[in-house]
N, C-alpha and C. Protein backbone atom coordinates (compact mmCIF):
# COMPACT_ATOMS: atom_id res chain seq x y z
N MET A 1 -8.64 -27.84 11.50
CA MET A 1 -8.05 -26.74 10.97
C MET A 1 -6.50 -26.62 11.27
N SER A 2 -5.69 -26.60 10.20
CA SER A 2 -4.26 -26.37 10.37
C SER A 2 -3.87 -24.98 10.92
N THR A 3 -2.81 -25.08 11.77
CA THR A 3 -2.45 -23.76 12.42
C THR A 3 -1.26 -23.29 11.69
N SER A 4 -0.58 -23.92 10.84
CA SER A 4 0.52 -23.71 10.10
C SER A 4 0.29 -22.71 8.96
N ALA A 5 1.03 -21.65 8.77
CA ALA A 5 0.80 -20.82 7.54
C ALA A 5 1.73 -21.30 6.42
N PRO A 6 1.16 -20.91 5.43
CA PRO A 6 2.08 -20.99 4.21
C PRO A 6 3.16 -20.07 4.26
N PRO A 7 4.17 -20.56 3.36
CA PRO A 7 5.28 -19.53 3.09
C PRO A 7 5.05 -18.22 2.48
N GLY A 8 5.75 -17.23 2.70
CA GLY A 8 5.63 -16.07 1.86
C GLY A 8 4.63 -15.11 2.85
N SER A 9 4.12 -14.02 2.35
CA SER A 9 3.17 -13.13 2.98
C SER A 9 1.74 -13.70 3.20
N THR A 10 1.46 -13.68 4.35
CA THR A 10 0.15 -14.44 4.64
C THR A 10 -0.99 -13.44 5.06
N ILE A 11 -0.66 -12.11 5.05
CA ILE A 11 -1.68 -11.09 5.43
C ILE A 11 -1.45 -10.10 4.06
N ILE A 12 -2.26 -9.96 3.09
CA ILE A 12 -2.07 -9.26 1.84
C ILE A 12 -3.24 -8.26 1.93
N PRO A 13 -2.87 -6.92 2.17
CA PRO A 13 -3.99 -5.87 1.94
C PRO A 13 -4.53 -5.84 0.41
N GLY A 14 -5.81 -5.59 0.30
CA GLY A 14 -6.35 -5.45 -0.83
C GLY A 14 -7.04 -3.93 -1.16
N LEU A 15 -6.68 -3.37 -2.09
CA LEU A 15 -7.13 -1.95 -2.32
C LEU A 15 -7.95 -1.97 -3.71
N ARG A 16 -8.69 -0.95 -3.77
CA ARG A 16 -9.51 -0.60 -5.18
C ARG A 16 -9.01 0.88 -5.38
N TYR A 17 -8.89 1.10 -6.79
CA TYR A 17 -8.50 2.29 -7.22
C TYR A 17 -9.39 2.63 -8.48
N ARG A 18 -9.68 3.93 -8.74
CA ARG A 18 -10.51 4.31 -9.87
C ARG A 18 -9.64 4.26 -11.13
N ASP A 19 -8.25 4.61 -11.12
CA ASP A 19 -7.39 4.37 -12.12
C ASP A 19 -6.30 3.62 -11.62
N ALA A 20 -6.55 2.19 -11.70
CA ALA A 20 -5.58 1.39 -11.09
C ALA A 20 -4.16 1.37 -11.86
N HIS A 21 -4.10 1.47 -13.14
CA HIS A 21 -2.88 1.57 -13.88
C HIS A 21 -2.03 2.80 -13.47
N ALA A 22 -2.68 3.79 -13.21
CA ALA A 22 -2.00 5.11 -12.68
C ALA A 22 -1.48 4.72 -11.31
N ALA A 23 -2.22 4.14 -10.46
CA ALA A 23 -2.02 3.61 -9.11
C ALA A 23 -0.72 2.64 -9.08
N ILE A 24 -0.71 1.73 -9.89
CA ILE A 24 0.41 0.85 -9.96
C ILE A 24 1.68 1.63 -10.30
N ASP A 25 1.52 2.54 -11.46
CA ASP A 25 2.79 3.27 -11.67
C ASP A 25 3.40 4.09 -10.42
N PHE A 26 2.31 4.58 -9.66
CA PHE A 26 2.67 5.52 -8.63
C PHE A 26 3.34 4.69 -7.42
N LEU A 27 2.75 3.76 -7.21
CA LEU A 27 3.12 2.82 -6.01
C LEU A 27 4.50 2.08 -6.29
N CYS A 28 4.76 1.84 -7.61
CA CYS A 28 6.11 1.32 -7.95
C CYS A 28 7.26 2.53 -7.96
N THR A 29 6.75 3.70 -8.50
CA THR A 29 7.66 4.70 -8.51
C THR A 29 7.94 5.37 -7.13
N ALA A 30 6.77 5.65 -6.56
CA ALA A 30 7.15 6.42 -5.14
C ALA A 30 7.51 5.59 -4.06
N PHE A 31 6.93 4.30 -3.93
CA PHE A 31 6.92 3.50 -2.73
C PHE A 31 7.99 2.23 -2.92
N GLY A 32 8.38 1.93 -4.13
CA GLY A 32 9.23 0.78 -4.45
C GLY A 32 8.80 -0.58 -4.66
N PHE A 33 7.33 -0.51 -4.90
CA PHE A 33 6.73 -1.83 -5.18
C PHE A 33 7.20 -2.28 -6.59
N THR A 34 7.15 -3.57 -6.79
CA THR A 34 7.37 -4.17 -8.13
C THR A 34 6.06 -4.84 -8.50
N ARG A 35 5.97 -4.98 -9.90
CA ARG A 35 4.74 -5.68 -10.38
C ARG A 35 5.06 -7.17 -10.24
N HIS A 36 4.23 -7.92 -9.63
CA HIS A 36 4.30 -9.35 -9.50
C HIS A 36 3.36 -9.91 -10.73
N ALA A 37 2.28 -9.40 -10.74
CA ALA A 37 1.26 -9.85 -11.88
C ALA A 37 0.31 -8.58 -11.99
N VAL A 38 -0.25 -8.39 -13.28
CA VAL A 38 -1.16 -7.49 -13.62
C VAL A 38 -2.01 -8.23 -14.73
N TYR A 39 -3.31 -8.31 -14.32
CA TYR A 39 -4.24 -9.01 -15.23
C TYR A 39 -5.38 -7.91 -15.55
N GLU A 40 -5.40 -7.78 -16.97
CA GLU A 40 -6.51 -6.65 -17.46
C GLU A 40 -7.74 -7.41 -17.76
N ASN A 41 -8.82 -6.66 -17.75
CA ASN A 41 -10.11 -7.29 -18.28
C ASN A 41 -10.19 -6.97 -19.75
N ASP A 42 -11.36 -7.18 -20.30
CA ASP A 42 -11.68 -7.01 -21.72
C ASP A 42 -11.60 -5.68 -22.11
N HIS A 43 -11.74 -4.72 -21.18
CA HIS A 43 -11.76 -3.21 -21.41
C HIS A 43 -10.49 -2.65 -21.22
N GLY A 44 -9.49 -3.25 -20.88
CA GLY A 44 -8.20 -2.61 -20.69
C GLY A 44 -7.91 -2.30 -19.20
N GLY A 45 -8.97 -2.42 -18.17
CA GLY A 45 -8.84 -2.10 -16.89
C GLY A 45 -8.20 -3.07 -16.15
N VAL A 46 -7.81 -2.72 -14.94
CA VAL A 46 -6.92 -3.77 -14.21
C VAL A 46 -8.03 -4.52 -13.33
N GLU A 47 -8.08 -5.84 -13.66
CA GLU A 47 -9.11 -6.77 -13.03
C GLU A 47 -8.56 -7.15 -11.76
N HIS A 48 -7.16 -7.54 -11.65
CA HIS A 48 -6.42 -7.86 -10.45
C HIS A 48 -5.05 -7.61 -10.67
N ALA A 49 -4.31 -7.16 -9.70
CA ALA A 49 -2.79 -7.00 -9.68
C ALA A 49 -2.22 -7.23 -8.46
N GLN A 50 -0.91 -7.85 -8.50
CA GLN A 50 -0.29 -8.07 -7.23
C GLN A 50 0.99 -7.28 -7.33
N LEU A 51 1.37 -6.48 -6.37
CA LEU A 51 2.68 -5.75 -6.11
C LEU A 51 3.37 -6.28 -5.10
N ALA A 52 4.62 -6.61 -5.31
CA ALA A 52 5.42 -6.95 -4.18
C ALA A 52 6.49 -6.04 -3.66
N TYR A 53 6.70 -6.07 -2.35
CA TYR A 53 7.67 -5.27 -1.72
C TYR A 53 8.49 -6.18 -0.67
N GLY A 54 9.71 -6.56 -1.09
CA GLY A 54 10.35 -7.53 -0.06
C GLY A 54 9.56 -8.89 -0.09
N ASN A 55 9.37 -9.20 1.23
CA ASN A 55 8.50 -10.48 1.26
C ASN A 55 6.89 -10.19 1.25
N GLY A 56 6.64 -8.85 1.32
CA GLY A 56 5.20 -8.51 1.36
C GLY A 56 4.61 -8.29 -0.04
N MET A 57 3.20 -8.21 0.04
CA MET A 57 2.55 -7.94 -1.25
C MET A 57 1.17 -7.19 -0.97
N ILE A 58 0.72 -6.58 -1.91
CA ILE A 58 -0.61 -6.09 -1.83
C ILE A 58 -1.22 -6.50 -3.07
N MET A 59 -2.57 -6.51 -3.00
CA MET A 59 -3.38 -6.91 -4.16
C MET A 59 -4.33 -5.61 -4.62
N LEU A 60 -4.49 -5.43 -5.79
CA LEU A 60 -5.46 -4.21 -6.12
C LEU A 60 -6.22 -4.52 -7.35
N GLY A 61 -7.17 -3.76 -7.64
CA GLY A 61 -7.88 -3.61 -8.94
C GLY A 61 -8.73 -2.44 -8.88
N GLU A 62 -9.36 -2.28 -10.15
CA GLU A 62 -10.21 -1.21 -10.37
C GLU A 62 -11.35 -1.02 -9.41
N ALA A 63 -11.64 0.02 -9.05
CA ALA A 63 -12.98 0.37 -8.16
C ALA A 63 -14.18 -0.14 -9.17
N ARG A 64 -14.96 -0.79 -8.59
CA ARG A 64 -16.24 -1.29 -9.53
C ARG A 64 -17.28 -1.38 -8.65
N ASP A 65 -18.48 -1.22 -9.37
CA ASP A 65 -19.64 -1.56 -8.68
C ASP A 65 -20.29 -2.91 -8.80
N ASP A 66 -19.59 -3.77 -8.02
CA ASP A 66 -19.88 -5.17 -8.09
C ASP A 66 -20.25 -5.55 -6.48
N GLU A 67 -20.48 -6.76 -6.24
CA GLU A 67 -20.91 -7.17 -4.82
C GLU A 67 -19.71 -6.91 -3.88
N PHE A 68 -18.57 -7.20 -4.18
CA PHE A 68 -17.44 -6.95 -3.24
C PHE A 68 -17.25 -5.39 -3.32
N GLY A 69 -17.15 -4.79 -4.52
CA GLY A 69 -16.77 -3.36 -4.54
C GLY A 69 -17.78 -2.48 -3.84
N ARG A 70 -19.04 -2.95 -3.75
CA ARG A 70 -20.01 -2.10 -2.80
C ARG A 70 -19.60 -2.07 -1.27
N ARG A 71 -18.73 -3.02 -0.89
CA ARG A 71 -18.36 -3.00 0.41
C ARG A 71 -17.20 -2.14 0.79
N ILE A 72 -16.60 -1.61 -0.26
CA ILE A 72 -15.44 -0.88 -0.02
C ILE A 72 -15.60 0.72 -0.56
N ALA A 73 -15.18 1.55 0.38
CA ALA A 73 -15.51 2.94 0.05
C ALA A 73 -14.13 3.55 -0.30
N GLN A 74 -14.02 4.31 -1.31
CA GLN A 74 -12.80 5.06 -1.64
C GLN A 74 -12.63 6.29 -0.58
N PRO A 75 -11.32 6.52 -0.31
CA PRO A 75 -11.22 7.61 0.64
C PRO A 75 -11.98 8.87 0.16
N SER A 76 -11.93 9.21 -1.08
CA SER A 76 -12.64 10.50 -1.47
C SER A 76 -14.15 10.61 -1.13
N ASP A 77 -14.73 9.36 -1.19
CA ASP A 77 -16.16 9.09 -0.82
C ASP A 77 -16.56 9.43 0.56
N ILE A 78 -15.50 9.31 1.54
CA ILE A 78 -15.85 9.46 2.98
C ILE A 78 -14.89 10.47 3.57
N GLY A 79 -14.77 11.55 2.93
CA GLY A 79 -14.02 12.75 3.52
C GLY A 79 -12.50 12.44 3.72
N GLY A 80 -12.02 11.56 2.93
CA GLY A 80 -10.63 11.39 3.05
C GLY A 80 -10.10 10.38 4.09
N ARG A 81 -11.20 9.89 4.90
CA ARG A 81 -10.78 8.94 6.00
C ARG A 81 -10.58 7.55 5.57
N GLU A 82 -9.93 6.80 6.31
CA GLU A 82 -9.72 5.44 6.06
C GLU A 82 -10.18 4.58 7.48
N THR A 83 -10.38 3.39 7.25
CA THR A 83 -10.69 2.52 8.46
C THR A 83 -9.61 1.69 8.63
N GLN A 84 -8.48 1.62 7.81
CA GLN A 84 -7.18 0.87 8.07
C GLN A 84 -6.20 1.52 7.19
N CYS A 85 -4.97 1.00 7.55
CA CYS A 85 -3.79 1.58 6.94
C CYS A 85 -2.70 0.42 6.62
N ALA A 86 -2.08 0.35 5.46
CA ALA A 86 -1.04 -0.56 5.28
C ALA A 86 0.22 0.08 6.03
N CYS A 87 0.90 -1.04 6.77
CA CYS A 87 2.13 -0.56 7.50
C CYS A 87 3.19 -1.36 6.78
N VAL A 88 4.25 -0.81 6.27
CA VAL A 88 5.18 -1.38 5.45
C VAL A 88 6.68 -1.06 6.00
N THR A 89 7.36 -2.13 6.33
CA THR A 89 8.74 -2.11 6.79
C THR A 89 9.65 -1.78 5.85
N VAL A 90 10.56 -0.76 5.99
CA VAL A 90 11.42 -0.50 4.90
C VAL A 90 12.92 -0.33 5.64
N VAL A 91 13.85 -0.65 4.82
CA VAL A 91 15.26 -0.63 5.44
C VAL A 91 15.72 0.81 5.66
N ASP A 92 15.59 1.71 4.68
CA ASP A 92 16.14 3.05 4.86
C ASP A 92 15.14 4.08 4.86
N CYS A 93 14.43 4.37 5.98
CA CYS A 93 13.18 5.04 5.96
C CYS A 93 13.21 6.44 5.41
N ARG A 94 14.46 7.17 5.98
CA ARG A 94 14.64 8.46 5.32
C ARG A 94 14.73 8.52 3.92
N ALA A 95 15.34 7.62 3.14
CA ALA A 95 15.58 7.67 1.75
C ALA A 95 14.26 7.31 1.09
N HIS A 96 13.61 6.45 1.62
CA HIS A 96 12.12 6.06 1.27
C HIS A 96 11.25 7.39 1.24
N TYR A 97 11.27 8.02 2.33
CA TYR A 97 10.41 9.24 2.56
C TYR A 97 10.91 10.25 1.59
N ARG A 98 12.02 10.48 1.15
CA ARG A 98 12.54 11.34 0.13
C ARG A 98 12.00 10.99 -1.19
N GLN A 99 12.07 9.47 -1.54
CA GLN A 99 11.58 9.06 -2.77
C GLN A 99 10.13 9.31 -2.88
N ALA A 100 9.24 9.03 -1.86
CA ALA A 100 7.86 9.31 -1.88
C ALA A 100 7.51 10.65 -2.10
N LEU A 101 8.10 11.57 -1.38
CA LEU A 101 7.95 12.88 -1.60
C LEU A 101 8.19 13.48 -2.92
N ALA A 102 9.38 13.00 -3.48
CA ALA A 102 9.65 13.54 -4.75
C ALA A 102 8.80 12.98 -5.91
N ALA A 103 8.12 11.86 -5.57
CA ALA A 103 7.33 11.20 -6.63
C ALA A 103 5.77 11.90 -6.39
N GLY A 104 5.61 12.56 -5.44
CA GLY A 104 4.35 13.22 -5.33
C GLY A 104 3.44 12.75 -4.18
N ALA A 105 3.85 12.04 -3.30
CA ALA A 105 3.03 11.29 -2.25
C ALA A 105 2.61 12.59 -1.25
N VAL A 106 1.36 12.54 -0.83
CA VAL A 106 1.10 13.71 0.04
C VAL A 106 1.56 13.23 1.52
N ILE A 107 2.46 13.91 2.17
CA ILE A 107 2.86 13.45 3.55
C ILE A 107 1.79 14.01 4.50
N VAL A 108 1.30 12.98 5.37
CA VAL A 108 0.39 13.28 6.42
C VAL A 108 1.19 13.53 7.66
N ASP A 109 2.01 12.61 7.95
CA ASP A 109 2.87 12.76 9.21
C ASP A 109 4.35 12.73 8.60
N GLU A 110 5.07 13.75 9.02
CA GLU A 110 6.48 13.99 8.60
C GLU A 110 7.26 12.71 9.07
N TYR A 111 8.50 12.57 8.47
CA TYR A 111 9.33 11.58 8.93
C TYR A 111 9.93 11.91 10.38
N ALA A 112 9.79 10.86 11.27
CA ALA A 112 10.19 11.21 12.80
C ALA A 112 10.96 9.99 13.22
N GLU A 113 11.96 10.14 14.04
CA GLU A 113 12.50 8.94 14.96
C GLU A 113 11.49 8.63 15.85
N LYS A 114 11.25 7.46 16.25
CA LYS A 114 10.27 6.95 17.17
C LYS A 114 10.94 6.67 18.50
N ASP A 115 10.30 6.94 19.46
CA ASP A 115 10.79 6.55 20.87
C ASP A 115 10.96 5.07 21.18
N TYR A 116 10.26 4.21 20.54
CA TYR A 116 10.25 2.80 20.70
C TYR A 116 11.17 2.19 19.67
N GLY A 117 11.82 2.83 19.03
CA GLY A 117 12.96 2.49 17.96
C GLY A 117 12.44 2.66 16.53
N GLY A 118 13.37 2.76 15.70
CA GLY A 118 13.25 3.08 14.17
C GLY A 118 12.58 4.36 13.92
N ALA A 119 12.27 4.55 12.78
CA ALA A 119 11.68 5.93 12.38
C ALA A 119 10.33 5.62 11.29
N GLY A 120 9.61 6.67 11.16
CA GLY A 120 8.56 6.46 10.21
C GLY A 120 7.84 7.71 9.68
N TYR A 121 6.94 7.48 8.75
CA TYR A 121 6.11 8.64 8.13
C TYR A 121 4.99 8.09 7.72
N SER A 122 4.02 9.01 7.55
CA SER A 122 2.68 8.37 6.81
C SER A 122 2.29 9.35 5.72
N CYS A 123 1.71 8.78 4.61
CA CYS A 123 1.36 9.63 3.46
C CYS A 123 0.17 8.98 2.72
N ARG A 124 -0.18 9.79 1.78
CA ARG A 124 -1.37 9.46 0.97
C ARG A 124 -0.92 9.20 -0.43
N ASP A 125 -1.62 8.33 -1.07
CA ASP A 125 -1.17 8.17 -2.62
C ASP A 125 -2.33 8.96 -3.29
N PRO A 126 -2.16 9.12 -4.65
CA PRO A 126 -3.05 9.90 -5.40
C PRO A 126 -4.45 9.75 -5.20
N GLU A 127 -5.00 8.60 -4.98
CA GLU A 127 -6.46 8.50 -4.66
C GLU A 127 -6.76 8.43 -3.17
N GLY A 128 -5.86 8.84 -2.45
CA GLY A 128 -6.07 9.17 -0.96
C GLY A 128 -5.95 8.11 0.01
N HIS A 129 -5.57 6.80 -0.50
CA HIS A 129 -5.30 5.84 0.51
C HIS A 129 -4.19 6.05 1.41
N LEU A 130 -4.35 5.80 2.56
CA LEU A 130 -3.34 6.04 3.84
C LEU A 130 -2.28 4.97 3.85
N TRP A 131 -1.02 5.44 3.87
CA TRP A 131 0.21 4.35 4.06
C TRP A 131 1.10 4.84 5.31
N TYR A 132 1.63 3.92 5.81
CA TYR A 132 2.46 4.07 6.67
C TYR A 132 3.73 3.25 6.42
N PHE A 133 4.95 3.92 6.49
CA PHE A 133 6.21 3.39 6.29
C PHE A 133 7.22 3.66 7.37
N GLY A 134 7.98 2.65 7.69
CA GLY A 134 8.74 2.64 9.05
C GLY A 134 9.89 1.66 8.95
N SER A 135 10.85 2.00 9.72
CA SER A 135 12.12 0.95 9.83
C SER A 135 11.93 0.15 10.94
N TYR A 136 11.08 0.37 11.83
CA TYR A 136 10.76 -0.45 12.91
C TYR A 136 10.34 -1.89 12.46
N ASP A 137 10.93 -2.95 12.89
CA ASP A 137 10.56 -4.30 12.46
C ASP A 137 10.04 -5.07 13.54
N PRO A 138 8.85 -5.16 13.63
CA PRO A 138 8.17 -5.83 14.93
C PRO A 138 8.56 -7.28 15.07
N TRP A 139 9.16 -8.02 14.09
CA TRP A 139 9.66 -9.27 14.19
C TRP A 139 10.84 -9.36 14.96
N LYS A 140 11.74 -8.39 14.90
CA LYS A 140 12.99 -8.27 15.61
C LYS A 140 12.94 -7.69 16.99
N HIS A 141 11.69 -7.21 17.45
CA HIS A 141 11.57 -6.53 18.86
C HIS A 141 10.55 -7.51 19.65
N ASP A 142 10.72 -7.51 21.03
CA ASP A 142 9.79 -8.20 21.78
C ASP A 142 8.61 -7.52 22.12
């Protein structure tokens, strides 16, 4: 097995949304993602989408009752809880916080300067997925 990684983002979170088109619009407007690719199925739903942010990416699709979909719970199905959270490094965290708030993100943890460096906040998107945005860059710290 090769231990070298391909170029680009090598860990890509995958999410499912009940209304993936609305989620894509929100994620682009509130959080600054850009559409890299959106593939629709025969019914006009999102079969697969890729959204980019800097060198990072997320993939998403419609929540559906298929083999893989039955392994993923939507936050509203489990009391708003999550088992993981995407952490996104941003350049200007305060401006990003204001943009997300203005676009309707539900702030969970307010913007705060961190003792270990940088600043951050956490929020939920309209379907309840938890996100953390911060200016701390772990690649630049020991």
